[in-house]
Amino acid sequence: QNPHPWVRLLRTGDTFAGYFSADGKEWVPVGTVNAKMNRKVYVGLVGSANANQDLISAAFDQVSVRSEPMGPAQGFTLVDGSLISGEVTSFDAKILQYTDAHGVVHSIPIDSVANIFTTPLPLEMRAKLWTANVGLCMATGDVMEANIQGLSYRHVSVVSILLGPQNVDLSQVAAVVLRPVIAKGSTLIYLTDGSIYRCQQVKTGDGNLTGESVTLGAMIVKAADLLGIAVETTSP
């Protein structure tokens, strides 16, 4: 078999996601694995032959290793552009429920949620979700335009324009798009669980940090949960 001309491996914490591409622009998810990692990580490339008696030659080009904020491995995006880490367990016409990294269950109005993702996503793919049509982005790279009804028992209930009512296994879905994102706030708060809160202003006091989010309002971030703060010079 001919190898894919472009491959990508993304790491978010201990979660790794693989992608391939025909042109280096449009990426298709392959799958994810979890592996406990040490603080020091080594990166390398390898080539192999399928037959021991044959000699091969391999060339790698346009290789890059980047470290940049990716957001959480799984969770959801708020309509203001914030990325929240957690496992979404259910949602309906009013409420989305999710479990955070500490095992605490939270509820949030579904109207404040733009999309739900189940795998680490490249930044360019995440940006496309912000303006994508309502529906499902499948792990195969296909897109299903549909009205989203809810999630339960690891299945997403949708009504497809072409196929009618469907229950889709969540493991086959890379992202669920509910509505577009309109980014508000240029101050980004990075948390240790991978969450990225987009705020209009940030204040410090009593050893904690308070961010003012358009969607969530005032929220207190403990120093132990804070990874860093950045200010965007231009809007995404």
C-alpha atoms as a PDB file:
ATOM      1  CA  GLN A   1       0.000   0.000   0.000  1.00  0.00           C
ATOM      2  CA  ASN A   2       1.158   3.505  -0.729  1.00  0.00           C
ATOM      3  CA  PRO A   3       1.763   5.535   2.423  1.00  0.00           C
ATOM      4  CA  HIS A   4      -0.176   8.719   3.055  1.00  0.00           C
ATOM      5  CA  PRO A   5       1.872  11.693   1.814  1.00  0.00           C
ATOM      6  CA  TRP A   6       1.007  13.764   4.893  1.00  0.00           C
ATOM      7  CA  VAL A   7       0.630  12.490   8.453  1.00  0.00           C
ATOM      8  CA  ARG A   8       0.187  14.307  11.752  1.00  0.00           C
ATOM      9  CA  LEU A   9       0.310  13.263  15.386  1.00  0.00           C
ATOM     10  CA  LEU A  10      -1.237  15.549  17.994  1.00  0.00           C
ATOM     11  CA  ARG A  11      -0.664  15.263  21.717  1.00  0.00           C
ATOM     12  CA  THR A  12      -2.945  16.856  24.304  1.00  0.00           C
ATOM     13  CA  GLY A  13      -1.845  15.726  27.748  1.00  0.00           C
ATOM     14  CA  ASP A  14      -1.763  11.922  27.627  1.00  0.00           C
ATOM     15  CA  THR A  15      -4.098  11.723  24.614  1.00  0.00           C
ATOM     16  CA  PHE A  16      -2.646  11.227  21.114  1.00  0.00           C
ATOM     17  CA  ALA A  17      -4.623  11.665  17.908  1.00  0.00           C
ATOM     18  CA  GLY A  18      -3.497  10.617  14.428  1.00  0.00           C
ATOM     19  CA  TYR A  19      -4.435  12.313  11.140  1.00  0.00           C
ATOM     20  CA  PHE A  20      -3.595  11.882   7.465  1.00  0.00           C
ATOM     21  CA  SER A  21      -3.973  14.218   4.519  1.00  0.00           C
ATOM     22  CA  ALA A  22      -3.584  14.139   0.743  1.00  0.00           C
ATOM     23  CA  ASP A  23      -2.484  17.778   0.487  1.00  0.00           C
ATOM     24  CA  GLY A  24      -1.375  18.894   3.965  1.00  0.00           C
ATOM     25  CA  LYS A  25      -4.435  21.134   4.274  1.00  0.00           C
ATOM     26  CA  GLU A  26      -7.510  18.937   4.759  1.00  0.00           C
ATOM     27  CA  TRP A  27      -6.960  16.423   7.581  1.00  0.00           C
ATOM     28  CA  VAL A  28      -8.833  13.184   8.273  1.00  0.00           C
ATOM     29  CA  PRO A  29      -8.817  11.686  11.804  1.00  0.00           C
ATOM     30  CA  VAL A  30      -7.449   8.144  12.152  1.00  0.00           C
ATOM     31  CA  GLY A  31      -8.061   7.519  15.852  1.00  0.00           C
ATOM     32  CA  THR A  32      -6.898   8.290  19.376  1.00  0.00           C
ATOM     33  CA  VAL A  33      -4.954   6.447  22.064  1.00  0.00           C
ATOM     34  CA  ASN A  34      -4.124   7.280  25.675  1.00  0.00           C
ATOM     35  CA  ALA A  35      -0.581   6.742  26.964  1.00  0.00           C
ATOM     36  CA  LYS A  36       0.833   7.923  30.274  1.00  0.00           C
ATOM     37  CA  MET A  37       3.757  10.205  29.478  1.00  0.00           C
ATOM     38  CA  ASN A  38       6.749  11.525  31.434  1.00  0.00           C
ATOM     39  CA  ARG A  39       7.532  15.229  31.543  1.00  0.00           C
ATOM     40  CA  LYS A  40      10.405  14.768  29.041  1.00  0.00           C
ATOM     41  CA  VAL A  41       9.211  13.476  25.656  1.00  0.00           C
ATOM     42  CA  TYR A  42      11.373  12.471  22.683  1.00  0.00           C
ATOM     43  CA  VAL A  43      10.138  12.836  19.105  1.00  0.00           C
ATOM     44  CA  GLY A  44      11.497  10.832  16.156  1.00  0.00           C
ATOM     45  CA  LEU A  45      10.720   9.354  12.740  1.00  0.00           C
ATOM     46  CA  VAL A  46      11.024   5.750  11.597  1.00  0.00           C
ATOM     47  CA  GLY A  47      10.791   3.801   8.344  1.00  0.00           C
ATOM     48  CA  SER A  48      10.392   0.040   7.847  1.00  0.00           C
ATOM     49  CA  ALA A  49       9.970  -2.593   5.132  1.00  0.00           C
ATOM     50  CA  ASN A  50       7.140  -5.115   5.035  1.00  0.00           C
ATOM     51  CA  ALA A  51       9.524  -7.806   3.785  1.00  0.00           C
ATOM     52  CA  ASN A  52      12.784  -8.589   5.580  1.00  0.00           C
ATOM     53  CA  GLN A  53      14.589  -9.588   2.359  1.00  0.00           C
ATOM     54  CA  ASP A  54      13.944  -6.257   0.649  1.00  0.00           C
ATOM     55  CA  LEU A  55      15.909  -3.045   1.016  1.00  0.00           C
ATOM     56  CA  ILE A  56      14.002   0.195   1.137  1.00  0.00           C
ATOM     57  CA  SER A  57      14.743   3.871   1.055  1.00  0.00           C
ATOM     58  CA  ALA A  58      12.665   6.504   2.794  1.00  0.00           C
ATOM     59  CA  ALA A  59      12.706  10.266   2.744  1.00  0.00           C
ATOM     60  CA  PHE A  60      11.042  12.610   5.216  1.00  0.00           C
ATOM     61  CA  ASP A  61      10.567  16.251   4.354  1.00  0.00           C
ATOM     62  CA  GLN A  62       8.661  19.288   5.625  1.00  0.00           C
ATOM     63  CA  VAL A  63       8.868  17.870   9.166  1.00  0.00           C
ATOM     64  CA  SER A  64       8.024  20.167  12.053  1.00  0.00           C
ATOM     65  CA  VAL A  65       7.505  19.809  15.783  1.00  0.00           C
ATOM     66  CA  ARG A  66       5.418  22.507  17.430  1.00  0.00           C
ATOM     67  CA  SER A  67       4.300  23.172  20.954  1.00  0.00           C
ATOM     68  CA  GLU A  68       1.235  25.385  21.123  1.00  0.00           C
ATOM     69  CA  PRO A  69      -2.037  25.640  23.040  1.00  0.00           C
ATOM     70  CA  MET A  70      -4.422  23.135  21.474  1.00  0.00           C
ATOM     71  CA  GLY A  71      -7.229  23.144  23.964  1.00  0.00           C
ATOM     72  CA  PRO A  72      -8.574  19.997  25.623  1.00  0.00           C
ATOM     73  CA  ALA A  73      -8.585  16.536  24.075  1.00  0.00           C
ATOM     74  CA  GLN A  74     -12.348  16.307  24.540  1.00  0.00           C
ATOM     75  CA  GLY A  75     -14.972  18.770  25.645  1.00  0.00           C
ATOM     76  CA  PHE A  76     -16.927  21.574  24.034  1.00  0.00           C
ATOM     77  CA  THR A  77     -16.673  25.113  22.673  1.00  0.00           C
ATOM     78  CA  LEU A  78     -18.788  27.956  24.005  1.00  0.00           C
ATOM     79  CA  VAL A  79     -20.351  30.504  21.687  1.00  0.00           C
ATOM     80  CA  ASP A  80     -17.812  33.100  22.898  1.00  0.00           C
ATOM     81  CA  GLY A  81     -14.871  30.914  21.774  1.00  0.00           C
ATOM     82  CA  SER A  82     -13.911  29.389  25.135  1.00  0.00           C
ATOM     83  CA  LEU A  83     -12.840  25.721  25.132  1.00  0.00           C
ATOM     84  CA  ILE A  84     -13.985  23.649  28.099  1.00  0.00           C
ATOM     85  CA  SER A  85     -12.390  20.316  29.006  1.00  0.00           C
ATOM     86  CA  GLY A  86     -14.649  17.453  30.054  1.00  0.00           C
ATOM     87  CA  GLU A  87     -16.618  14.406  28.998  1.00  0.00           C
ATOM     88  CA  VAL A  88     -20.058  15.366  27.729  1.00  0.00           C
ATOM     89  CA  THR A  89     -22.482  12.762  29.089  1.00  0.00           C
ATOM     90  CA  SER A  90     -25.790  14.094  27.759  1.00  0.00           C
ATOM     91  CA  PHE A  91     -27.560  17.093  26.303  1.00  0.00           C
ATOM     92  CA  ASP A  92     -31.059  17.978  25.205  1.00  0.00           C
ATOM     93  CA  ALA A  93     -32.914  21.078  24.053  1.00  0.00           C
ATOM     94  CA  LYS A  94     -32.112  22.923  27.298  1.00  0.00           C
ATOM     95  CA  ILE A  95     -29.123  21.539  29.230  1.00  0.00           C
ATOM     96  CA  LEU A  96     -25.721  19.987  28.545  1.00  0.00           C
ATOM     97  CA  GLN A  97     -24.146  17.872  31.292  1.00  0.00           C
ATOM     98  CA  TYR A  98     -20.437  17.078  31.484  1.00  0.00           C
ATOM     99  CA  THR A  99     -17.896  15.639  33.912  1.00  0.00           C
ATOM    100  CA  ASP A 100     -14.672  17.597  34.478  1.00  0.00           C
ATOM    101  CA  ALA A 101     -11.160  16.243  35.094  1.00  0.00           C
ATOM    102  CA  HIS A 102     -11.866  15.998  38.846  1.00  0.00           C
ATOM    103  CA  GLY A 103     -14.979  13.849  38.332  1.00  0.00           C
ATOM    104  CA  VAL A 104     -17.389  16.671  39.182  1.00  0.00           C
ATOM    105  CA  VAL A 105     -20.618  16.819  37.152  1.00  0.00           C
ATOM    106  CA  HIS A 106     -21.677  20.210  35.771  1.00  0.00           C
ATOM    107  CA  SER A 107     -24.688  21.507  33.852  1.00  0.00           C
ATOM    108  CA  ILE A 108     -24.659  24.393  31.373  1.00  0.00           C
ATOM    109  CA  PRO A 109     -27.396  25.879  29.143  1.00  0.00           C
ATOM    110  CA  ILE A 110     -27.219  24.284  25.707  1.00  0.00           C
ATOM    111  CA  ASP A 111     -27.733  27.702  24.071  1.00  0.00           C
ATOM    112  CA  SER A 112     -24.244  28.693  25.279  1.00  0.00           C
ATOM    113  CA  VAL A 113     -22.579  25.683  23.595  1.00  0.00           C
ATOM    114  CA  ALA A 114     -21.367  25.945  19.993  1.00  0.00           C
ATOM    115  CA  ASN A 115     -19.857  22.531  19.351  1.00  0.00           C
ATOM    116  CA  ILE A 116     -18.782  19.327  21.087  1.00  0.00           C
ATOM    117  CA  PHE A 117     -15.599  17.446  20.203  1.00  0.00           C
ATOM    118  CA  THR A 118     -14.391  13.978  21.156  1.00  0.00           C
ATOM    119  CA  THR A 119     -10.786  14.076  19.903  1.00  0.00           C
ATOM    120  CA  PRO A 120      -7.861  16.551  19.814  1.00  0.00           C
ATOM    121  CA  LEU A 121      -8.287  18.748  16.753  1.00  0.00           C
ATOM    122  CA  PRO A 122      -5.703  20.673  14.702  1.00  0.00           C
ATOM    123  CA  LEU A 123      -6.125  24.416  15.055  1.00  0.00           C
ATOM    124  CA  GLU A 124      -7.261  24.825  11.438  1.00  0.00           C
ATOM    125  CA  MET A 125      -9.937  22.156  11.885  1.00  0.00           C
ATOM    126  CA  ARG A 126     -11.123  23.769  15.098  1.00  0.00           C
ATOM    127  CA  ALA A 127     -11.386  27.150  13.354  1.00  0.00           C
ATOM    128  CA  LYS A 128     -13.534  25.609  10.589  1.00  0.00           C
ATOM    129  CA  LEU A 129     -15.960  24.271  13.190  1.00  0.00           C
ATOM    130  CA  TRP A 130     -16.653  27.824  14.290  1.00  0.00           C
ATOM    131  CA  THR A 131     -18.452  28.579  11.018  1.00  0.00           C
ATOM    132  CA  ALA A 132     -19.529  25.064   9.929  1.00  0.00           C
ATOM    133  CA  ASN A 133     -23.140  24.172   9.229  1.00  0.00           C
ATOM    134  CA  VAL A 134     -25.090  22.462  11.997  1.00  0.00           C
ATOM    135  CA  GLY A 135     -24.503  18.717  11.947  1.00  0.00           C
ATOM    136  CA  LEU A 136     -21.816  16.077  12.507  1.00  0.00           C
ATOM    137  CA  CYS A 137     -18.162  16.047  11.479  1.00  0.00           C
ATOM    138  CA  MET A 138     -17.399  12.357  11.196  1.00  0.00           C
ATOM    139  CA  ALA A 139     -14.099  10.696  12.111  1.00  0.00           C
ATOM    140  CA  THR A 140     -13.783   9.707   8.430  1.00  0.00           C
ATOM    141  CA  GLY A 141     -13.688  13.362   7.421  1.00  0.00           C
ATOM    142  CA  ASP A 142     -17.239  13.301   6.022  1.00  0.00           C
ATOM    143  CA  VAL A 143     -19.826  15.873   7.081  1.00  0.00           C
ATOM    144  CA  MET A 144     -23.481  15.141   7.837  1.00  0.00           C
ATOM    145  CA  GLU A 145     -25.734  18.187   7.857  1.00  0.00           C
ATOM    146  CA  ALA A 146     -28.513  17.480  10.321  1.00  0.00           C
ATOM    147  CA  ASN A 147     -30.636  18.855  13.145  1.00  0.00           C
ATOM    148  CA  ILE A 148     -29.091  17.763  16.444  1.00  0.00           C
ATOM    149  CA  GLN A 149     -31.608  16.343  18.917  1.00  0.00           C
ATOM    150  CA  GLY A 150     -29.474  15.189  21.854  1.00  0.00           C
ATOM    151  CA  LEU A 151     -26.944  12.744  23.241  1.00  0.00           C
ATOM    152  CA  SER A 152     -27.423   9.734  25.499  1.00  0.00           C
ATOM    153  CA  TYR A 153     -25.781   6.328  25.977  1.00  0.00           C
ATOM    154  CA  ARG A 154     -22.874   7.421  23.761  1.00  0.00           C
ATOM    155  CA  HIS A 155     -25.167   8.003  20.782  1.00  0.00           C
ATOM    156  CA  VAL A 156     -26.001  11.303  19.088  1.00  0.00           C
ATOM    157  CA  SER A 157     -29.614  11.629  17.960  1.00  0.00           C
ATOM    158  CA  VAL A 158     -29.997  13.628  14.746  1.00  0.00           C
ATOM    159  CA  VAL A 159     -32.497  14.227  11.978  1.00  0.00           C
ATOM    160  CA  SER A 160     -30.659  14.170   8.660  1.00  0.00           C
ATOM    161  CA  ILE A 161     -32.072  16.026   5.678  1.00  0.00           C
ATOM    162  CA  LEU A 162     -31.304  13.034   3.449  1.00  0.00           C
ATOM    163  CA  LEU A 163     -31.506  10.062   5.839  1.00  0.00           C
ATOM    164  CA  GLY A 164     -34.161  11.129   8.345  1.00  0.00           C
ATOM    165  CA  PRO A 165     -33.868  10.253  12.080  1.00  0.00           C
ATOM    166  CA  GLN A 166     -30.538   8.644  12.997  1.00  0.00           C
ATOM    167  CA  ASN A 167     -28.737   7.466  16.152  1.00  0.00           C
ATOM    168  CA  VAL A 168     -25.016   7.807  15.447  1.00  0.00           C
ATOM    169  CA  ASP A 169     -22.346   6.146  17.607  1.00  0.00           C
ATOM    170  CA  LEU A 170     -20.332   8.926  19.227  1.00  0.00           C
ATOM    171  CA  SER A 171     -17.095   7.000  18.617  1.00  0.00           C
ATOM    172  CA  GLN A 172     -17.612   7.652  14.894  1.00  0.00           C
ATOM    173  CA  VAL A 173     -17.952  11.415  15.404  1.00  0.00           C
ATOM    174  CA  ALA A 174     -15.093  13.915  15.649  1.00  0.00           C
ATOM    175  CA  ALA A 175     -17.330  16.899  16.437  1.00  0.00           C
ATOM    176  CA  VAL A 176     -20.970  17.861  16.884  1.00  0.00           C
ATOM    177  CA  VAL A 177     -21.742  21.343  15.547  1.00  0.00           C
ATOM    178  CA  LEU A 178     -24.694  23.079  17.203  1.00  0.00           C
ATOM    179  CA  ARG A 179     -24.214  26.735  16.227  1.00  0.00           C
ATOM    180  CA  PRO A 180     -21.497  29.186  15.099  1.00  0.00           C
ATOM    181  CA  VAL A 181     -18.911  30.788  17.378  1.00  0.00           C
ATOM    182  CA  ILE A 182     -18.576  34.554  17.717  1.00  0.00           C
ATOM    183  CA  ALA A 183     -15.314  35.074  19.613  1.00  0.00           C
ATOM    184  CA  LYS A 184     -15.624  37.708  22.346  1.00  0.00           C
ATOM    185  CA  GLY A 185     -12.732  38.733  24.557  1.00  0.00           C
ATOM    186  CA  SER A 186      -9.022  38.866  23.741  1.00  0.00           C
ATOM    187  CA  THR A 187      -7.606  37.614  27.065  1.00  0.00           C
ATOM    188  CA  LEU A 188      -7.075  33.845  27.137  1.00  0.00           C
ATOM    189  CA  ILE A 189      -6.769  31.907  30.406  1.00  0.00           C
ATOM    190  CA  TYR A 190      -5.089  28.505  30.047  1.00  0.00           C
ATOM    191  CA  LEU A 191      -5.845  25.866  32.682  1.00  0.00           C
ATOM    192  CA  THR A 192      -3.951  22.697  33.548  1.00  0.00           C
ATOM    193  CA  ASP A 193      -6.852  20.494  32.331  1.00  0.00           C
ATOM    194  CA  GLY A 194      -6.552  21.948  28.806  1.00  0.00           C
ATOM    195  CA  SER A 195      -9.443  24.406  29.068  1.00  0.00           C
ATOM    196  CA  ILE A 196      -8.993  27.829  27.471  1.00  0.00           C
ATOM    197  CA  TYR A 197     -11.315  30.558  28.740  1.00  0.00           C
ATOM    198  CA  ARG A 198     -11.797  33.630  26.568  1.00  0.00           C
ATOM    199  CA  CYS A 199     -12.355  36.692  28.772  1.00  0.00           C
ATOM    200  CA  GLN A 200     -12.923  40.406  28.344  1.00  0.00           C
ATOM    201  CA  GLN A 201     -10.968  41.288  31.475  1.00  0.00           C
ATOM    202  CA  VAL A 202      -8.986  39.579  34.214  1.00  0.00           C
ATOM    203  CA  LYS A 203      -8.383  40.585  37.844  1.00  0.00           C
ATOM    204  CA  THR A 204      -6.143  39.118  40.533  1.00  0.00           C
ATOM    205  CA  GLY A 205      -6.592  39.043  44.295  1.00  0.00           C
ATOM    206  CA  ASP A 206      -6.417  36.746  47.335  1.00  0.00           C
ATOM    207  CA  GLY A 207      -4.097  34.399  45.454  1.00  0.00           C
ATOM    208  CA  ASN A 208      -6.730  33.668  42.819  1.00  0.00           C
ATOM    209  CA  LEU A 209      -7.632  35.033  39.410  1.00  0.00           C
ATOM    210  CA  THR A 210     -11.071  36.257  38.327  1.00  0.00           C
ATOM    211  CA  GLY A 211     -11.966  36.286  34.646  1.00  0.00           C
ATOM    212  CA  GLU A 212     -14.989  38.043  33.175  1.00  0.00           C
ATOM    213  CA  SER A 213     -16.472  35.855  30.430  1.00  0.00           C
ATOM    214  CA  VAL A 214     -19.300  36.959  28.153  1.00  0.00           C
ATOM    215  CA  THR A 215     -20.964  33.549  28.436  1.00  0.00           C
ATOM    216  CA  LEU A 216     -20.065  32.419  31.960  1.00  0.00           C
ATOM    217  CA  GLY A 217     -19.841  35.765  33.731  1.00  0.00           C
ATOM    218  CA  ALA A 218     -17.352  36.172  36.598  1.00  0.00           C
ATOM    219  CA  MET A 219     -15.388  32.984  37.307  1.00  0.00           C
ATOM    220  CA  ILE A 220     -12.675  32.365  39.883  1.00  0.00           C
ATOM    221  CA  VAL A 221      -9.605  30.369  38.854  1.00  0.00           C
ATOM    222  CA  LYS A 222      -7.409  28.884  41.575  1.00  0.00           C
ATOM    223  CA  ALA A 223      -3.675  29.405  41.250  1.00  0.00           C
ATOM    224  CA  ALA A 224      -3.096  25.625  41.234  1.00  0.00           C
ATOM    225  CA  ASP A 225      -5.311  25.267  38.137  1.00  0.00           C
ATOM    226  CA  LEU A 226      -3.729  28.146  36.195  1.00  0.00           C
ATOM    227  CA  LEU A 227      -1.288  27.309  33.396  1.00  0.00           C
ATOM    228  CA  GLY A 228      -0.901  30.747  31.855  1.00  0.00           C
ATOM    229  CA  ILE A 229      -2.483  33.912  30.459  1.00  0.00           C
ATOM    230  CA  ALA A 230      -2.158  35.406  26.983  1.00  0.00           C
ATOM    231  CA  VAL A 231      -3.605  38.398  25.176  1.00  0.00           C
ATOM    232  CA  GLU A 232      -4.467  38.157  21.494  1.00  0.00           C
ATOM    233  CA  THR A 233      -3.325  41.093  19.386  1.00  0.00           C
ATOM    234  CA  THR A 234      -5.837  40.350  16.637  1.00  0.00           C
ATOM    235  CA  SER A 235      -9.213  38.627  16.640  1.00  0.00           C
ATOM    236  CA  PRO A 236      -9.291  35.058  15.185  1.00  0.00           C
END
